Amino acid sequence: MNKSIAGIVVAVLVVGGVAAFALSSNDDTSNDTSNDVTTSEVQSTEISAGDLRVALNNALREHVELAGVSLRNVFTESPDTDAAVSALDANSVEVAGLVGAAYGEDAESDFLDLWRQHITFFANYTAAARDGDMAGMEQAKEDLMGYGQAASGFFESANPNLPASAVMPLLEEHRDLVIATIDLIGAGDFEAAYVKLGEAADQVNKIGDALAGGIAAQMPEKFSDQ
């Protein structure tokens, strides 16, 4: 990945999540992340439903922290920008591992492919917005709609507690908040962009809670309420 594309990808990732870490002390969901539960622990043992939630939050918090470093590197044209982006992708692998802990290696691979695709689509939107390419922006929106359908279909096929009719609106809400934030940044309205970014951070927690709750309900023998 060259530095210019890497920078676009990093900016998109940060737009989607950088405020979550700063705002986490005010959110009840993230207050559950004080214990250190790793992805490998989720994969290797039976844990409580609460620990599953903690593991997801830990992985997302690490993602936000790495995204923050990467964004700073992009803005300063740091020579280690590519390394930071590689670390972000390693975190994506970790997040996919949590899905694999519940549904197996094939599902983990499929989810990782979807996750990486949606990052690319947001990157495409950001690049098109930067260049004033309206057609490119519309294509990226269409691609993101397709991702939402594929991702919600993925979880529906894996878990009856996560129907597409419930997951899709959450993904659409997140998409719209992220796109609105990118548009505000492109317009130079940073004050409004940070407000919108806070909304996106709060909304992502709803997605995480829905997924953790649905998985725990489907597999009480693995993710019990201990």
C-alpha atoms as a PDB file:
ATOM      1  CA  MET A   1       0.000   0.000   0.000  1.00  0.00           C
ATOM      2  CA  ASN A   2       1.582   3.317  -1.020  1.00  0.00           C
ATOM      3  CA  LYS A   3       1.673   6.236   1.378  1.00  0.00           C
ATOM      4  CA  SER A   4      -1.039   8.281  -0.326  1.00  0.00           C
ATOM      5  CA  ILE A   5      -3.569   5.446  -0.294  1.00  0.00           C
ATOM      6  CA  ALA A   6      -2.506   4.472   3.201  1.00  0.00           C
ATOM      7  CA  GLY A   7      -3.174   7.989   4.368  1.00  0.00           C
ATOM      8  CA  ILE A   8      -6.666   7.950   2.914  1.00  0.00           C
ATOM      9  CA  VAL A   9      -7.432   4.615   4.574  1.00  0.00           C
ATOM     10  CA  VAL A  10      -6.153   5.846   7.924  1.00  0.00           C
ATOM     11  CA  ALA A  11      -8.200   9.031   7.722  1.00  0.00           C
ATOM     12  CA  VAL A  12     -11.327   7.016   7.069  1.00  0.00           C
ATOM     13  CA  LEU A  13     -10.637   4.691   9.978  1.00  0.00           C
ATOM     14  CA  VAL A  14     -10.112   7.589  12.323  1.00  0.00           C
ATOM     15  CA  VAL A  15     -13.244   9.354  11.117  1.00  0.00           C
ATOM     16  CA  GLY A  16     -15.151   6.213  12.004  1.00  0.00           C
ATOM     17  CA  GLY A  17     -13.709   5.818  15.464  1.00  0.00           C
ATOM     18  CA  VAL A  18     -11.212   8.277  16.900  1.00  0.00           C
ATOM     19  CA  ALA A  19     -13.646   9.921  19.310  1.00  0.00           C
ATOM     20  CA  ALA A  20     -14.622   6.620  20.908  1.00  0.00           C
ATOM     21  CA  PHE A  21     -11.520   6.501  23.081  1.00  0.00           C
ATOM     22  CA  ALA A  22     -11.838  10.099  24.224  1.00  0.00           C
ATOM     23  CA  LEU A  23     -15.528   9.737  25.000  1.00  0.00           C
ATOM     24  CA  SER A  24     -15.377   6.258  26.539  1.00  0.00           C
ATOM     25  CA  SER A  25     -15.316   7.471  30.127  1.00  0.00           C
ATOM     26  CA  ASN A  26     -18.832   8.843  29.620  1.00  0.00           C
ATOM     27  CA  ASP A  27     -20.256   5.677  28.079  1.00  0.00           C
ATOM     28  CA  ASP A  28     -21.622   2.809  30.141  1.00  0.00           C
ATOM     29  CA  THR A  29     -20.641   0.209  27.552  1.00  0.00           C
ATOM     30  CA  SER A  30     -16.966   1.097  27.494  1.00  0.00           C
ATOM     31  CA  ASN A  31     -16.831   1.237  31.261  1.00  0.00           C
ATOM     32  CA  ASP A  32     -17.022  -2.567  31.096  1.00  0.00           C
ATOM     33  CA  THR A  33     -13.569  -2.732  29.463  1.00  0.00           C
ATOM     34  CA  SER A  34     -11.458  -2.342  32.585  1.00  0.00           C
ATOM     35  CA  ASN A  35     -10.506  -6.025  32.597  1.00  0.00           C
ATOM     36  CA  ASP A  36      -7.981  -7.236  30.046  1.00  0.00           C
ATOM     37  CA  VAL A  37      -9.566  -9.965  27.921  1.00  0.00           C
ATOM     38  CA  THR A  38      -7.629 -10.885  24.804  1.00  0.00           C
ATOM     39  CA  THR A  39      -8.843 -12.354  21.541  1.00  0.00           C
ATOM     40  CA  SER A  40      -6.825 -15.521  22.134  1.00  0.00           C
ATOM     41  CA  GLU A  41      -8.573 -16.018  25.464  1.00  0.00           C
ATOM     42  CA  VAL A  42     -11.952 -15.744  23.793  1.00  0.00           C
ATOM     43  CA  GLN A  43     -10.870 -18.278  21.184  1.00  0.00           C
ATOM     44  CA  SER A  44      -9.395 -20.785  23.618  1.00  0.00           C
ATOM     45  CA  THR A  45     -11.829 -20.988  26.516  1.00  0.00           C
ATOM     46  CA  GLU A  46     -15.395 -20.625  27.637  1.00  0.00           C
ATOM     47  CA  ILE A  47     -15.941 -17.123  28.994  1.00  0.00           C
ATOM     48  CA  SER A  48     -18.797 -15.033  30.285  1.00  0.00           C
ATOM     49  CA  ALA A  49     -21.010 -12.947  28.052  1.00  0.00           C
ATOM     50  CA  GLY A  50     -19.598  -9.902  29.802  1.00  0.00           C
ATOM     51  CA  ASP A  51     -16.055 -10.956  28.963  1.00  0.00           C
ATOM     52  CA  LEU A  52     -17.013 -11.302  25.313  1.00  0.00           C
ATOM     53  CA  ARG A  53     -18.255  -7.731  25.422  1.00  0.00           C
ATOM     54  CA  VAL A  54     -15.015  -6.656  27.102  1.00  0.00           C
ATOM     55  CA  ALA A  55     -12.926  -8.424  24.462  1.00  0.00           C
ATOM     56  CA  LEU A  56     -14.788  -6.648  21.675  1.00  0.00           C
ATOM     57  CA  ASN A  57     -14.360  -3.296  23.401  1.00  0.00           C
ATOM     58  CA  ASN A  58     -10.653  -3.925  23.997  1.00  0.00           C
ATOM     59  CA  ALA A  59     -10.122  -4.686  20.321  1.00  0.00           C
ATOM     60  CA  LEU A  60     -12.050  -1.578  19.284  1.00  0.00           C
ATOM     61  CA  ARG A  61     -10.146   0.580  21.768  1.00  0.00           C
ATOM     62  CA  GLU A  62      -6.852  -0.693  20.366  1.00  0.00           C
ATOM     63  CA  HIS A  63      -8.137   0.105  16.883  1.00  0.00           C
ATOM     64  CA  VAL A  64      -8.922   3.683  17.928  1.00  0.00           C
ATOM     65  CA  GLU A  65      -5.524   4.152  19.552  1.00  0.00           C
ATOM     66  CA  LEU A  66      -3.680   2.849  16.486  1.00  0.00           C
ATOM     67  CA  ALA A  67      -5.849   4.991  14.220  1.00  0.00           C
ATOM     68  CA  GLY A  68      -4.989   8.071  16.281  1.00  0.00           C
ATOM     69  CA  VAL A  69      -1.251   7.385  15.896  1.00  0.00           C
ATOM     70  CA  SER A  70      -1.673   6.760  12.194  1.00  0.00           C
ATOM     71  CA  LEU A  71      -3.619   9.989  11.634  1.00  0.00           C
ATOM     72  CA  ARG A  72      -0.921  12.005  13.367  1.00  0.00           C
ATOM     73  CA  ASN A  73       1.677  10.301  11.175  1.00  0.00           C
ATOM     74  CA  VAL A  74      -0.306  11.092   8.017  1.00  0.00           C
ATOM     75  CA  PHE A  75      -0.618  14.768   8.935  1.00  0.00           C
ATOM     76  CA  THR A  76       3.093  15.030   9.787  1.00  0.00           C
ATOM     77  CA  GLU A  77       4.172  12.882   6.816  1.00  0.00           C
ATOM     78  CA  SER A  78       5.986  10.626   9.230  1.00  0.00           C
ATOM     79  CA  PRO A  79       8.184   7.947   7.629  1.00  0.00           C
ATOM     80  CA  ASP A  80       6.498   5.254   9.721  1.00  0.00           C
ATOM     81  CA  THR A  81       2.998   5.905   8.338  1.00  0.00           C
ATOM     82  CA  ASP A  82       2.968   2.632   6.413  1.00  0.00           C
ATOM     83  CA  ALA A  83       3.979   0.745   9.559  1.00  0.00           C
ATOM     84  CA  ALA A  84       1.098   2.332  11.464  1.00  0.00           C
ATOM     85  CA  VAL A  85      -1.352   1.299   8.736  1.00  0.00           C
ATOM     86  CA  SER A  86       0.023  -2.248   8.923  1.00  0.00           C
ATOM     87  CA  ALA A  87      -0.664  -2.225  12.652  1.00  0.00           C
ATOM     88  CA  LEU A  88      -4.225  -1.122  11.942  1.00  0.00           C
ATOM     89  CA  ASP A  89      -4.691  -4.066   9.628  1.00  0.00           C
ATOM     90  CA  ALA A  90      -3.311  -6.402  12.286  1.00  0.00           C
ATOM     91  CA  ASN A  91      -6.013  -5.040  14.581  1.00  0.00           C
ATOM     92  CA  SER A  92      -8.604  -5.789  11.889  1.00  0.00           C
ATOM     93  CA  VAL A  93      -7.363  -9.371  11.955  1.00  0.00           C
ATOM     94  CA  GLU A  94      -7.842  -9.383  15.715  1.00  0.00           C
ATOM     95  CA  VAL A  95     -11.413  -8.112  15.428  1.00  0.00           C
ATOM     96  CA  ALA A  96     -12.143 -10.793  12.837  1.00  0.00           C
ATOM     97  CA  GLY A  97     -10.668 -13.328  15.248  1.00  0.00           C
ATOM     98  CA  LEU A  98     -13.444 -12.544  17.706  1.00  0.00           C
ATOM     99  CA  VAL A  99     -15.966 -13.459  15.028  1.00  0.00           C
ATOM    100  CA  GLY A 100     -13.980 -16.599  14.321  1.00  0.00           C
ATOM    101  CA  ALA A 101     -14.037 -17.512  18.003  1.00  0.00           C
ATOM    102  CA  ALA A 102     -17.784 -17.880  17.708  1.00  0.00           C
ATOM    103  CA  TYR A 103     -18.265 -19.096  14.140  1.00  0.00           C
ATOM    104  CA  GLY A 104     -15.040 -20.730  13.008  1.00  0.00           C
ATOM    105  CA  GLU A 105     -12.192 -20.050  10.626  1.00  0.00           C
ATOM    106  CA  ASP A 106     -14.251 -19.798   7.429  1.00  0.00           C
ATOM    107  CA  ALA A 107     -16.543 -17.189   8.959  1.00  0.00           C
ATOM    108  CA  GLU A 108     -13.516 -15.338  10.304  1.00  0.00           C
ATOM    109  CA  SER A 109     -12.008 -15.160   6.824  1.00  0.00           C
ATOM    110  CA  ASP A 110     -15.281 -14.051   5.239  1.00  0.00           C
ATOM    111  CA  PHE A 111     -15.794 -11.357   7.866  1.00  0.00           C
ATOM    112  CA  LEU A 112     -12.251 -10.052   7.463  1.00  0.00           C
ATOM    113  CA  ASP A 113     -12.791  -9.745   3.719  1.00  0.00           C
ATOM    114  CA  LEU A 114     -15.997  -7.753   4.321  1.00  0.00           C
ATOM    115  CA  TRP A 115     -14.322  -5.539   6.918  1.00  0.00           C
ATOM    116  CA  ARG A 116     -11.431  -4.715   4.621  1.00  0.00           C
ATOM    117  CA  GLN A 117     -13.825  -4.004   1.747  1.00  0.00           C
ATOM    118  CA  HIS A 118     -15.837  -1.471   3.711  1.00  0.00           C
ATOM    119  CA  ILE A 119     -12.633   0.334   4.684  1.00  0.00           C
ATOM    120  CA  THR A 120     -11.745   0.502   0.994  1.00  0.00           C
ATOM    121  CA  PHE A 121     -15.190   1.896   0.130  1.00  0.00           C
ATOM    122  CA  PHE A 122     -14.868   4.652   2.747  1.00  0.00           C
ATOM    123  CA  ALA A 123     -11.382   5.342   1.407  1.00  0.00           C
ATOM    124  CA  ASN A 124     -12.800   5.632  -2.109  1.00  0.00           C
ATOM    125  CA  TYR A 125     -15.426   8.098  -0.879  1.00  0.00           C
ATOM    126  CA  THR A 126     -12.772  10.160   0.889  1.00  0.00           C
ATOM    127  CA  ALA A 127     -10.520  10.245  -2.181  1.00  0.00           C
ATOM    128  CA  ALA A 128     -13.425  11.220  -4.434  1.00  0.00           C
ATOM    129  CA  ALA A 129     -14.543  13.945  -2.012  1.00  0.00           C
ATOM    130  CA  ARG A 130     -11.016  15.304  -1.871  1.00  0.00           C
ATOM    131  CA  ASP A 131     -10.847  15.432  -5.676  1.00  0.00           C
ATOM    132  CA  GLY A 132     -14.377  16.799  -6.175  1.00  0.00           C
ATOM    133  CA  ASP A 133     -15.355  13.606  -8.002  1.00  0.00           C
ATOM    134  CA  MET A 134     -19.129  13.465  -7.519  1.00  0.00           C
ATOM    135  CA  ALA A 135     -19.502  10.284  -9.564  1.00  0.00           C
ATOM    136  CA  GLY A 136     -16.857   8.587  -7.450  1.00  0.00           C
ATOM    137  CA  MET A 137     -18.601   9.670  -4.261  1.00  0.00           C
ATOM    138  CA  GLU A 138     -21.918   8.247  -5.461  1.00  0.00           C
ATOM    139  CA  GLN A 139     -20.239   4.978  -6.471  1.00  0.00           C
ATOM    140  CA  ALA A 140     -18.661   4.682  -3.043  1.00  0.00           C
ATOM    141  CA  LYS A 141     -22.062   5.216  -1.423  1.00  0.00           C
ATOM    142  CA  GLU A 142     -23.522   2.448  -3.577  1.00  0.00           C
ATOM    143  CA  ASP A 143     -20.634   0.178  -2.632  1.00  0.00           C
ATOM    144  CA  LEU A 144     -21.185   0.939   1.044  1.00  0.00           C
ATOM    145  CA  MET A 145     -24.862   0.072   0.666  1.00  0.00           C
ATOM    146  CA  GLY A 146     -23.817  -3.240  -0.835  1.00  0.00           C
ATOM    147  CA  TYR A 147     -21.431  -3.810   2.065  1.00  0.00           C
ATOM    148  CA  GLY A 148     -24.212  -3.145   4.553  1.00  0.00           C
ATOM    149  CA  GLN A 149     -26.410  -5.707   2.845  1.00  0.00           C
ATOM    150  CA  ALA A 150     -23.601  -8.265   2.729  1.00  0.00           C
ATOM    151  CA  ALA A 151     -22.550  -7.728   6.339  1.00  0.00           C
ATOM    152  CA  SER A 152     -26.089  -7.838   7.706  1.00  0.00           C
ATOM    153  CA  GLY A 153     -26.710 -10.945   5.608  1.00  0.00           C
ATOM    154  CA  PHE A 154     -23.555 -12.507   7.025  1.00  0.00           C
ATOM    155  CA  PHE A 155     -24.748 -12.111  10.602  1.00  0.00           C
ATOM    156  CA  GLU A 156     -28.315 -13.139   9.782  1.00  0.00           C
ATOM    157  CA  SER A 157     -27.095 -16.384   8.218  1.00  0.00           C
ATOM    158  CA  ALA A 158     -24.896 -17.076  11.241  1.00  0.00           C
ATOM    159  CA  ASN A 159     -27.219 -16.046  14.049  1.00  0.00           C
ATOM    160  CA  PRO A 160     -31.042 -15.970  14.302  1.00  0.00           C
ATOM    161  CA  ASN A 161     -30.709 -13.327  17.011  1.00  0.00           C
ATOM    162  CA  LEU A 162     -29.147 -10.924  14.493  1.00  0.00           C
ATOM    163  CA  PRO A 163     -31.658 -10.568  11.647  1.00  0.00           C
ATOM    164  CA  ALA A 164     -30.699  -8.337   8.746  1.00  0.00           C
ATOM    165  CA  SER A 165     -33.707  -6.161   9.531  1.00  0.00           C
ATOM    166  CA  ALA A 166     -32.082  -5.295  12.873  1.00  0.00           C
ATOM    167  CA  VAL A 167     -28.434  -5.112  11.806  1.00  0.00           C
ATOM    168  CA  MET A 168     -28.835  -3.218   8.533  1.00  0.00           C
ATOM    169  CA  PRO A 169     -30.296  -0.028  10.079  1.00  0.00           C
ATOM    170  CA  LEU A 170     -27.380   0.133  12.518  1.00  0.00           C
ATOM    171  CA  LEU A 171     -24.870  -0.180   9.675  1.00  0.00           C
ATOM    172  CA  GLU A 172     -26.730   2.434   7.614  1.00  0.00           C
ATOM    173  CA  GLU A 173     -26.769   4.825  10.558  1.00  0.00           C
ATOM    174  CA  HIS A 174     -23.036   4.390  11.026  1.00  0.00           C
ATOM    175  CA  ARG A 175     -22.377   4.857   7.304  1.00  0.00           C
ATOM    176  CA  ASP A 176     -24.365   8.093   7.222  1.00  0.00           C
ATOM    177  CA  LEU A 177     -22.623   9.497  10.308  1.00  0.00           C
ATOM    178  CA  VAL A 178     -19.170   8.720   8.933  1.00  0.00           C
ATOM    179  CA  ILE A 179     -19.976  10.190   5.518  1.00  0.00           C
ATOM    180  CA  ALA A 180     -21.411  13.316   7.163  1.00  0.00           C
ATOM    181  CA  THR A 181     -18.227  13.681   9.193  1.00  0.00           C
ATOM    182  CA  ILE A 182     -16.040  13.355   6.094  1.00  0.00           C
ATOM    183  CA  ASP A 183     -18.176  15.950   4.292  1.00  0.00           C
ATOM    184  CA  LEU A 184     -17.849  18.406   7.193  1.00  0.00           C
ATOM    185  CA  ILE A 185     -14.083  17.930   7.284  1.00  0.00           C
ATOM    186  CA  GLY A 186     -13.961  18.509   3.537  1.00  0.00           C
ATOM    187  CA  ALA A 187     -15.946  21.717   4.032  1.00  0.00           C
ATOM    188  CA  GLY A 188     -13.495  22.886   6.693  1.00  0.00           C
ATOM    189  CA  ASP A 189     -16.176  22.926   9.404  1.00  0.00           C
ATOM    190  CA  PHE A 190     -14.128  21.115  12.020  1.00  0.00           C
ATOM    191  CA  GLU A 191     -16.280  22.146  14.976  1.00  0.00           C
ATOM    192  CA  ALA A 192     -19.349  20.505  13.453  1.00  0.00           C
ATOM    193  CA  ALA A 193     -17.244  17.562  12.295  1.00  0.00           C
ATOM    194  CA  TYR A 194     -16.127  16.792  15.841  1.00  0.00           C
ATOM    195  CA  VAL A 195     -19.733  16.908  17.039  1.00  0.00           C
ATOM    196  CA  LYS A 196     -20.719  14.478  14.297  1.00  0.00           C
ATOM    197  CA  LEU A 197     -17.702  12.327  15.104  1.00  0.00           C
ATOM    198  CA  GLY A 198     -18.916  12.042  18.688  1.00  0.00           C
ATOM    199  CA  GLU A 199     -22.283  10.860  17.412  1.00  0.00           C
ATOM    200  CA  ALA A 200     -20.570   8.245  15.247  1.00  0.00           C
ATOM    201  CA  ALA A 201     -18.522   7.033  18.218  1.00  0.00           C
ATOM    202  CA  ASP A 202     -21.626   6.631  20.380  1.00  0.00           C
ATOM    203  CA  GLN A 203     -23.446   4.826  17.579  1.00  0.00           C
ATOM    204  CA  VAL A 204     -20.632   2.298  17.041  1.00  0.00           C
ATOM    205  CA  ASN A 205     -21.126   1.141  20.622  1.00  0.00           C
ATOM    206  CA  LYS A 206     -24.693   0.177  19.747  1.00  0.00           C
ATOM    207  CA  ILE A 207     -23.386  -2.060  16.984  1.00  0.00           C
ATOM    208  CA  GLY A 208     -20.856  -3.711  19.277  1.00  0.00           C
ATOM    209  CA  ASP A 209     -23.445  -4.310  21.982  1.00  0.00           C
ATOM    210  CA  ALA A 210     -25.890  -5.799  19.487  1.00  0.00           C
ATOM    211  CA  LEU A 211     -23.318  -8.224  18.116  1.00  0.00           C
ATOM    212  CA  ALA A 212     -22.005  -9.286  21.526  1.00  0.00           C
ATOM    213  CA  GLY A 213     -25.506  -9.744  22.879  1.00  0.00           C
ATOM    214  CA  GLY A 214     -26.663 -11.729  19.877  1.00  0.00           C
ATOM    215  CA  ILE A 215     -23.663 -14.047  19.953  1.00  0.00           C
ATOM    216  CA  ALA A 216     -23.944 -14.639  23.692  1.00  0.00           C
ATOM    217  CA  ALA A 217     -27.660 -15.420  23.377  1.00  0.00           C
ATOM    218  CA  GLN A 218     -26.991 -17.893  20.578  1.00  0.00           C
ATOM    219  CA  MET A 219     -24.150 -19.675  22.396  1.00  0.00           C
ATOM    220  CA  PRO A 220     -24.898 -19.609  26.134  1.00  0.00           C
ATOM    221  CA  GLU A 221     -22.760 -22.709  26.665  1.00  0.00           C
ATOM    222  CA  LYS A 222     -19.701 -20.779  25.447  1.00  0.00           C
ATOM    223  CA  PHE A 223     -20.595 -17.237  26.489  1.00  0.00           C
ATOM    224  CA  SER A 224     -22.606 -17.764  29.659  1.00  0.00           C
ATOM    225  CA  ASP A 225     -23.747 -15.199  32.210  1.00  0.00           C
ATOM    226  CA  GLN A 226     -21.333 -16.371  34.864  1.00  0.00           C
END
